[in-house]
Amino acid sequence: MSNDQPTNSPTGDREVISELTTGRLSVYLRCLDDLIKAGVMTVSSQALADRFHLNSAQIRKDLACFGEFGVRGVGYVVSDLRQNLTRILGLTRTRRVVIVGAGNLGMALADYGGFNREGFSIAEDIGSKRAGIAHLSGASELAVFFGEWNLAARLYGAAEAQRERIGHHPEPGEDVFIERAREALEAIAFAAAESDGRSLSYDEAIAQARAWLDEGS
């Protein structure tokens, strides 16, 4: 299936813009970012090509697909051209992104600030969340082993809440260990501790588990 997209030509006709063209626009945008950081106010297509090892004729041809941006005898106003390319590429609105099953790479991507600058908001990092849930469950099980019943129930509640949030179900028999805490605390106290855990945010729950584990290390 083609990824070509239609756009209005300067004459008002609809013409197809290739994926290669839009890909080059992304390159031009990054070049313009570098020029802005360097304090460059205007640039010609030839100067842009020379500086970033591009083709000046190709630059002019690509930009002409979307309108007239240059000023004769001056070239392109860098900030204006950047604004136009940002709009053309659809980067003026935020897109929510889910990272699935990427483990350590997913956590690194989620922490990368460039996504927010480019209009991408990390809505969920399911790969690292599953690892975090396993961490919470493991800490809860260890708390049962040491007889820390309230902590075990609280971390169990936090793990269950995060599982429900991403639609991840535990393996059969995975939560058998928590029955010891349920029996030790009895129903009302266990439910209260579990509810406290469910009220924690993901980061708060992970912080509590790590703090307790660090105390015992």
C-alpha atoms as a PDB file:
ATOM      1  CA  MET A   1       0.000   0.000   0.000  1.00  0.00           C
ATOM      2  CA  SER A   2       1.398   3.403  -0.957  1.00  0.00           C
ATOM      3  CA  ASN A   3       2.181   5.974   1.728  1.00  0.00           C
ATOM      4  CA  ASP A   4       1.946   8.818  -0.789  1.00  0.00           C
ATOM      5  CA  GLN A   5      -0.372  11.595   0.299  1.00  0.00           C
ATOM      6  CA  PRO A   6      -2.280  14.234  -1.668  1.00  0.00           C
ATOM      7  CA  THR A   7      -1.726  17.912  -1.131  1.00  0.00           C
ATOM      8  CA  ASN A   8      -2.661  21.160  -2.814  1.00  0.00           C
ATOM      9  CA  SER A   9      -0.127  22.411  -5.337  1.00  0.00           C
ATOM     10  CA  PRO A  10       0.641  26.147  -5.694  1.00  0.00           C
ATOM     11  CA  THR A  11      -1.758  26.169  -8.663  1.00  0.00           C
ATOM     12  CA  GLY A  12      -4.574  24.721  -6.581  1.00  0.00           C
ATOM     13  CA  ASP A  13      -4.464  21.255  -8.180  1.00  0.00           C
ATOM     14  CA  ARG A  14      -4.285  18.115  -6.053  1.00  0.00           C
ATOM     15  CA  GLU A  15      -1.037  16.252  -6.518  1.00  0.00           C
ATOM     16  CA  VAL A  16       0.527  13.295  -4.752  1.00  0.00           C
ATOM     17  CA  ILE A  17       3.494  13.929  -2.464  1.00  0.00           C
ATOM     18  CA  SER A  18       5.786  10.929  -2.081  1.00  0.00           C
ATOM     19  CA  GLU A  19       6.980   9.514   1.214  1.00  0.00           C
ATOM     20  CA  LEU A  20      10.524  10.344   0.128  1.00  0.00           C
ATOM     21  CA  THR A  21       9.572  14.006  -0.141  1.00  0.00           C
ATOM     22  CA  THR A  22       8.019  14.147   3.319  1.00  0.00           C
ATOM     23  CA  GLY A  23      11.033  12.263   4.636  1.00  0.00           C
ATOM     24  CA  ARG A  24      13.320  14.948   3.235  1.00  0.00           C
ATOM     25  CA  LEU A  25      11.148  17.634   4.838  1.00  0.00           C
ATOM     26  CA  SER A  26      11.982  16.075   8.207  1.00  0.00           C
ATOM     27  CA  VAL A  27      15.678  16.374   7.331  1.00  0.00           C
ATOM     28  CA  TYR A  28      15.223  20.031   6.339  1.00  0.00           C
ATOM     29  CA  LEU A  29      13.423  20.677   9.618  1.00  0.00           C
ATOM     30  CA  ARG A  30      16.343  19.333  11.633  1.00  0.00           C
ATOM     31  CA  CYS A  31      18.738  21.431   9.574  1.00  0.00           C
ATOM     32  CA  LEU A  32      16.642  24.517  10.295  1.00  0.00           C
ATOM     33  CA  ASP A  33      16.726  23.697  14.010  1.00  0.00           C
ATOM     34  CA  ASP A  34      20.531  23.698  13.831  1.00  0.00           C
ATOM     35  CA  LEU A  35      20.507  27.038  11.999  1.00  0.00           C
ATOM     36  CA  ILE A  36      18.243  28.581  14.631  1.00  0.00           C
ATOM     37  CA  LYS A  37      20.566  27.368  17.387  1.00  0.00           C
ATOM     38  CA  ALA A  38      23.478  28.921  15.463  1.00  0.00           C
ATOM     39  CA  GLY A  39      21.626  32.249  15.255  1.00  0.00           C
ATOM     40  CA  VAL A  40      21.180  32.165  11.465  1.00  0.00           C
ATOM     41  CA  MET A  41      18.237  34.333  10.411  1.00  0.00           C
ATOM     42  CA  THR A  42      18.020  33.680   6.648  1.00  0.00           C
ATOM     43  CA  VAL A  43      19.420  31.038   4.333  1.00  0.00           C
ATOM     44  CA  SER A  44      19.375  30.321   0.603  1.00  0.00           C
ATOM     45  CA  SER A  45      18.705  26.861  -0.785  1.00  0.00           C
ATOM     46  CA  GLN A  46      22.337  26.721  -1.974  1.00  0.00           C
ATOM     47  CA  ALA A  47      23.714  27.703   1.428  1.00  0.00           C
ATOM     48  CA  LEU A  48      21.423  25.160   3.088  1.00  0.00           C
ATOM     49  CA  ALA A  49      22.594  22.480   0.671  1.00  0.00           C
ATOM     50  CA  ASP A  50      26.281  23.331   1.114  1.00  0.00           C
ATOM     51  CA  ARG A  51      26.070  23.384   4.894  1.00  0.00           C
ATOM     52  CA  PHE A  52      24.230  20.086   5.298  1.00  0.00           C
ATOM     53  CA  HIS A  53      25.430  18.221   2.180  1.00  0.00           C
ATOM     54  CA  LEU A  54      22.052  18.389   0.441  1.00  0.00           C
ATOM     55  CA  ASN A  55      20.919  19.130  -3.104  1.00  0.00           C
ATOM     56  CA  SER A  56      19.767  22.721  -3.623  1.00  0.00           C
ATOM     57  CA  ALA A  57      17.585  21.902  -6.633  1.00  0.00           C
ATOM     58  CA  GLN A  58      15.883  19.119  -4.672  1.00  0.00           C
ATOM     59  CA  ILE A  59      15.256  21.472  -1.754  1.00  0.00           C
ATOM     60  CA  ARG A  60      13.563  24.013  -4.014  1.00  0.00           C
ATOM     61  CA  LYS A  61      11.528  21.317  -5.755  1.00  0.00           C
ATOM     62  CA  ASP A  62      10.352  19.760  -2.462  1.00  0.00           C
ATOM     63  CA  LEU A  63       9.357  23.081  -0.926  1.00  0.00           C
ATOM     64  CA  ALA A  64       7.556  24.153  -4.115  1.00  0.00           C
ATOM     65  CA  CYS A  65       5.143  21.254  -3.600  1.00  0.00           C
ATOM     66  CA  PHE A  66       3.697  23.122  -0.621  1.00  0.00           C
ATOM     67  CA  GLY A  67       3.858  26.756  -1.686  1.00  0.00           C
ATOM     68  CA  GLU A  68       6.280  29.643  -2.042  1.00  0.00           C
ATOM     69  CA  PHE A  69       8.410  30.224   1.048  1.00  0.00           C
ATOM     70  CA  GLY A  70      11.502  32.030  -0.218  1.00  0.00           C
ATOM     71  CA  VAL A  71      12.110  35.739  -0.794  1.00  0.00           C
ATOM     72  CA  ARG A  72      13.960  36.633  -3.979  1.00  0.00           C
ATOM     73  CA  GLY A  73      17.421  37.967  -3.211  1.00  0.00           C
ATOM     74  CA  VAL A  74      17.126  36.974   0.464  1.00  0.00           C
ATOM     75  CA  GLY A  75      16.369  33.270   0.542  1.00  0.00           C
ATOM     76  CA  TYR A  76      14.310  31.665   3.287  1.00  0.00           C
ATOM     77  CA  VAL A  77      13.552  33.218   6.655  1.00  0.00           C
ATOM     78  CA  VAL A  78      14.694  30.352   8.852  1.00  0.00           C
ATOM     79  CA  SER A  79      12.100  30.723  11.638  1.00  0.00           C
ATOM     80  CA  ASP A  80       9.218  31.130   9.164  1.00  0.00           C
ATOM     81  CA  LEU A  81      10.277  28.134   7.083  1.00  0.00           C
ATOM     82  CA  ARG A  82      10.636  26.028  10.216  1.00  0.00           C
ATOM     83  CA  GLN A  83       7.128  27.003  11.318  1.00  0.00           C
ATOM     84  CA  ASN A  84       5.720  26.077   7.906  1.00  0.00           C
ATOM     85  CA  LEU A  85       7.492  22.707   7.788  1.00  0.00           C
ATOM     86  CA  THR A  86       6.315  21.935  11.326  1.00  0.00           C
ATOM     87  CA  ARG A  87       2.740  22.596  10.201  1.00  0.00           C
ATOM     88  CA  ILE A  88       3.108  20.595   6.967  1.00  0.00           C
ATOM     89  CA  LEU A  89       4.504  17.586   8.835  1.00  0.00           C
ATOM     90  CA  GLY A  90       1.645  17.708  11.339  1.00  0.00           C
ATOM     91  CA  LEU A  91       3.873  18.434  14.323  1.00  0.00           C
ATOM     92  CA  THR A  92       1.730  21.276  15.633  1.00  0.00           C
ATOM     93  CA  ARG A  93      -0.484  18.853  17.560  1.00  0.00           C
ATOM     94  CA  THR A  94       0.430  16.306  20.213  1.00  0.00           C
ATOM     95  CA  ARG A  95       0.248  12.601  19.382  1.00  0.00           C
ATOM     96  CA  ARG A  96      -0.099  10.093  22.211  1.00  0.00           C
ATOM     97  CA  VAL A  97       2.260   7.124  21.899  1.00  0.00           C
ATOM     98  CA  VAL A  98       2.224   3.695  23.553  1.00  0.00           C
ATOM     99  CA  ILE A  99       5.509   1.781  23.821  1.00  0.00           C
ATOM    100  CA  VAL A 100       4.801  -1.952  23.968  1.00  0.00           C
ATOM    101  CA  GLY A 101       7.136  -4.711  25.155  1.00  0.00           C
ATOM    102  CA  ALA A 102      10.430  -2.864  24.759  1.00  0.00           C
ATOM    103  CA  GLY A 103      11.887  -3.557  28.232  1.00  0.00           C
ATOM    104  CA  ASN A 104      14.978  -1.476  28.999  1.00  0.00           C
ATOM    105  CA  LEU A 105      14.795   0.128  25.571  1.00  0.00           C
ATOM    106  CA  GLY A 106      11.199   1.133  26.261  1.00  0.00           C
ATOM    107  CA  MET A 107      12.213   2.786  29.532  1.00  0.00           C
ATOM    108  CA  ALA A 108      14.997   4.677  27.757  1.00  0.00           C
ATOM    109  CA  LEU A 109      12.609   5.842  25.042  1.00  0.00           C
ATOM    110  CA  ALA A 110      10.022   6.907  27.617  1.00  0.00           C
ATOM    111  CA  ASP A 111      12.665   9.033  29.365  1.00  0.00           C
ATOM    112  CA  TYR A 112      13.838  10.663  26.120  1.00  0.00           C
ATOM    113  CA  GLY A 113      12.808  14.316  26.224  1.00  0.00           C
ATOM    114  CA  GLY A 114      12.983  14.741  22.468  1.00  0.00           C
ATOM    115  CA  PHE A 115       9.604  13.072  22.006  1.00  0.00           C
ATOM    116  CA  ASN A 116       7.760  15.827  23.854  1.00  0.00           C
ATOM    117  CA  ARG A 117       9.669  18.502  21.944  1.00  0.00           C
ATOM    118  CA  GLU A 118       8.620  16.909  18.652  1.00  0.00           C
ATOM    119  CA  GLY A 119       4.938  16.639  19.607  1.00  0.00           C
ATOM    120  CA  PHE A 120       4.843  13.027  20.816  1.00  0.00           C
ATOM    121  CA  SER A 121       3.495  12.308  24.296  1.00  0.00           C
ATOM    122  CA  ILE A 122       4.297   8.924  25.850  1.00  0.00           C
ATOM    123  CA  ALA A 123       0.860   7.820  27.031  1.00  0.00           C
ATOM    124  CA  GLU A 124       1.967   4.417  28.322  1.00  0.00           C
ATOM    125  CA  ASP A 125       5.110   2.318  28.442  1.00  0.00           C
ATOM    126  CA  ILE A 126       3.633  -1.153  28.734  1.00  0.00           C
ATOM    127  CA  GLY A 127       6.912  -3.029  28.459  1.00  0.00           C
ATOM    128  CA  SER A 128       8.500  -1.341  31.473  1.00  0.00           C
ATOM    129  CA  LYS A 129       5.170  -1.279  33.351  1.00  0.00           C
ATOM    130  CA  ARG A 130       5.027  -5.076  33.228  1.00  0.00           C
ATOM    131  CA  ALA A 131       8.552  -5.221  34.603  1.00  0.00           C
ATOM    132  CA  GLY A 132       7.472  -2.804  37.351  1.00  0.00           C
ATOM    133  CA  ILE A 133       4.431  -4.934  38.176  1.00  0.00           C
ATOM    134  CA  ALA A 134       6.687  -7.976  38.494  1.00  0.00           C
ATOM    135  CA  HIS A 135       8.872  -5.910  40.823  1.00  0.00           C
ATOM    136  CA  LEU A 136       5.864  -4.996  42.983  1.00  0.00           C
ATOM    137  CA  SER A 137       4.620  -8.584  43.083  1.00  0.00           C
ATOM    138  CA  GLY A 138       8.060  -9.867  44.019  1.00  0.00           C
ATOM    139  CA  ALA A 139       8.390  -7.312  46.810  1.00  0.00           C
ATOM    140  CA  SER A 140       4.918  -8.228  48.081  1.00  0.00           C
ATOM    141  CA  GLU A 141       5.834 -11.907  48.156  1.00  0.00           C
ATOM    142  CA  LEU A 142       9.052 -11.135  50.008  1.00  0.00           C
ATOM    143  CA  ALA A 143       7.096  -9.044  52.513  1.00  0.00           C
ATOM    144  CA  VAL A 144       4.868 -12.088  53.160  1.00  0.00           C
ATOM    145  CA  PHE A 145       8.006 -14.172  53.784  1.00  0.00           C
ATOM    146  CA  PHE A 146       9.159 -11.664  56.434  1.00  0.00           C
ATOM    147  CA  GLY A 147       5.711 -11.351  57.988  1.00  0.00           C
ATOM    148  CA  GLU A 148       5.223  -7.739  56.862  1.00  0.00           C
ATOM    149  CA  TRP A 149       1.534  -8.325  56.307  1.00  0.00           C
ATOM    150  CA  ASN A 150       0.347  -4.736  55.805  1.00  0.00           C
ATOM    151  CA  LEU A 151       3.157  -3.937  53.394  1.00  0.00           C
ATOM    152  CA  ALA A 152       2.527  -7.178  51.500  1.00  0.00           C
ATOM    153  CA  ALA A 153      -1.164  -6.337  51.091  1.00  0.00           C
ATOM    154  CA  ARG A 154      -0.416  -2.744  50.081  1.00  0.00           C
ATOM    155  CA  LEU A 155       2.113  -3.744  47.400  1.00  0.00           C
ATOM    156  CA  TYR A 156      -0.218  -6.482  46.213  1.00  0.00           C
ATOM    157  CA  GLY A 157      -2.998  -3.911  45.796  1.00  0.00           C
ATOM    158  CA  ALA A 158      -0.628  -1.602  43.899  1.00  0.00           C
ATOM    159  CA  ALA A 159       0.423  -4.423  41.548  1.00  0.00           C
ATOM    160  CA  GLU A 160      -3.196  -5.443  40.917  1.00  0.00           C
ATOM    161  CA  ALA A 161      -4.216  -1.851  40.141  1.00  0.00           C
ATOM    162  CA  GLN A 162      -1.406  -1.480  37.618  1.00  0.00           C
ATOM    163  CA  ARG A 163      -2.264  -4.857  36.035  1.00  0.00           C
ATOM    164  CA  GLU A 164      -5.849  -3.749  35.550  1.00  0.00           C
ATOM    165  CA  ARG A 165      -4.718  -0.469  34.041  1.00  0.00           C
ATOM    166  CA  ILE A 166      -2.751  -2.109  31.205  1.00  0.00           C
ATOM    167  CA  GLY A 167      -4.959  -5.203  30.874  1.00  0.00           C
ATOM    168  CA  HIS A 168      -2.289  -7.629  32.081  1.00  0.00           C
ATOM    169  CA  HIS A 169      -3.615 -10.672  33.934  1.00  0.00           C
ATOM    170  CA  PRO A 170      -1.522 -12.713  36.405  1.00  0.00           C
ATOM    171  CA  GLU A 171      -0.646 -16.298  35.667  1.00  0.00           C
ATOM    172  CA  PRO A 172      -2.811 -18.920  37.450  1.00  0.00           C
ATOM    173  CA  GLY A 173      -1.539 -19.438  40.985  1.00  0.00           C
ATOM    174  CA  GLU A 174       0.667 -16.337  40.864  1.00  0.00           C
ATOM    175  CA  ASP A 175      -1.086 -14.696  43.823  1.00  0.00           C
ATOM    176  CA  VAL A 176      -1.335 -17.763  46.076  1.00  0.00           C
ATOM    177  CA  PHE A 177       1.322 -16.341  48.400  1.00  0.00           C
ATOM    178  CA  ILE A 178      -0.854 -13.358  49.344  1.00  0.00           C
ATOM    179  CA  GLU A 179      -3.371 -15.653  51.024  1.00  0.00           C
ATOM    180  CA  ARG A 180      -1.012 -15.885  54.024  1.00  0.00           C
ATOM    181  CA  ALA A 181      -1.240 -12.108  54.462  1.00  0.00           C
ATOM    182  CA  ARG A 182      -5.004 -12.214  53.957  1.00  0.00           C
ATOM    183  CA  GLU A 183      -5.337 -14.824  56.715  1.00  0.00           C
ATOM    184  CA  ALA A 184      -2.939 -12.998  59.060  1.00  0.00           C
ATOM    185  CA  LEU A 185      -4.658  -9.612  58.738  1.00  0.00           C
ATOM    186  CA  GLU A 186      -8.214 -10.892  58.368  1.00  0.00           C
ATOM    187  CA  ALA A 187     -10.597  -9.526  55.770  1.00  0.00           C
ATOM    188  CA  ILE A 188     -11.188  -5.928  56.925  1.00  0.00           C
ATOM    189  CA  ALA A 189      -7.555  -5.027  57.650  1.00  0.00           C
ATOM    190  CA  PHE A 190      -6.356  -6.741  54.474  1.00  0.00           C
ATOM    191  CA  ALA A 191      -8.928  -4.904  52.365  1.00  0.00           C
ATOM    192  CA  ALA A 192      -7.879  -1.565  53.888  1.00  0.00           C
ATOM    193  CA  ALA A 193      -4.175  -2.182  53.161  1.00  0.00           C
ATOM    194  CA  GLU A 194      -4.938  -3.414  49.638  1.00  0.00           C
ATOM    195  CA  SER A 195      -7.059  -0.300  49.027  1.00  0.00           C
ATOM    196  CA  ASP A 196      -4.173   1.899  50.171  1.00  0.00           C
ATOM    197  CA  GLY A 197      -1.956   0.172  47.623  1.00  0.00           C
ATOM    198  CA  ARG A 198      -4.489   0.632  44.844  1.00  0.00           C
ATOM    199  CA  SER A 199      -4.586   4.364  45.546  1.00  0.00           C
ATOM    200  CA  LEU A 200      -0.851   4.712  44.917  1.00  0.00           C
ATOM    201  CA  SER A 201       0.428   5.903  41.573  1.00  0.00           C
ATOM    202  CA  TYR A 202       2.811   3.615  39.699  1.00  0.00           C
ATOM    203  CA  ASP A 203       5.822   5.728  40.692  1.00  0.00           C
ATOM    204  CA  GLU A 204       4.727   5.929  44.351  1.00  0.00           C
ATOM    205  CA  ALA A 205       4.279   2.155  44.561  1.00  0.00           C
ATOM    206  CA  ILE A 206       7.662   1.449  42.961  1.00  0.00           C
ATOM    207  CA  ALA A 207       9.294   3.971  45.312  1.00  0.00           C
ATOM    208  CA  GLN A 208       7.763   2.279  48.375  1.00  0.00           C
ATOM    209  CA  ALA A 209       8.861  -1.166  47.228  1.00  0.00           C
ATOM    210  CA  ARG A 210      12.393   0.016  46.507  1.00  0.00           C
ATOM    211  CA  ALA A 211      12.645   1.886  49.815  1.00  0.00           C
ATOM    212  CA  TRP A 212      11.633  -1.226  51.767  1.00  0.00           C
ATOM    213  CA  LEU A 213      13.999  -3.480  49.794  1.00  0.00           C
ATOM    214  CA  ASP A 214      16.837  -0.992  50.309  1.00  0.00           C
ATOM    215  CA  GLU A 215      16.230  -1.044  54.069  1.00  0.00           C
ATOM    216  CA  GLY A 216      16.739  -4.772  54.128  1.00  0.00           C
ATOM    217  CA  SER A 217      19.806  -4.808  51.894  1.00  0.00           C
END
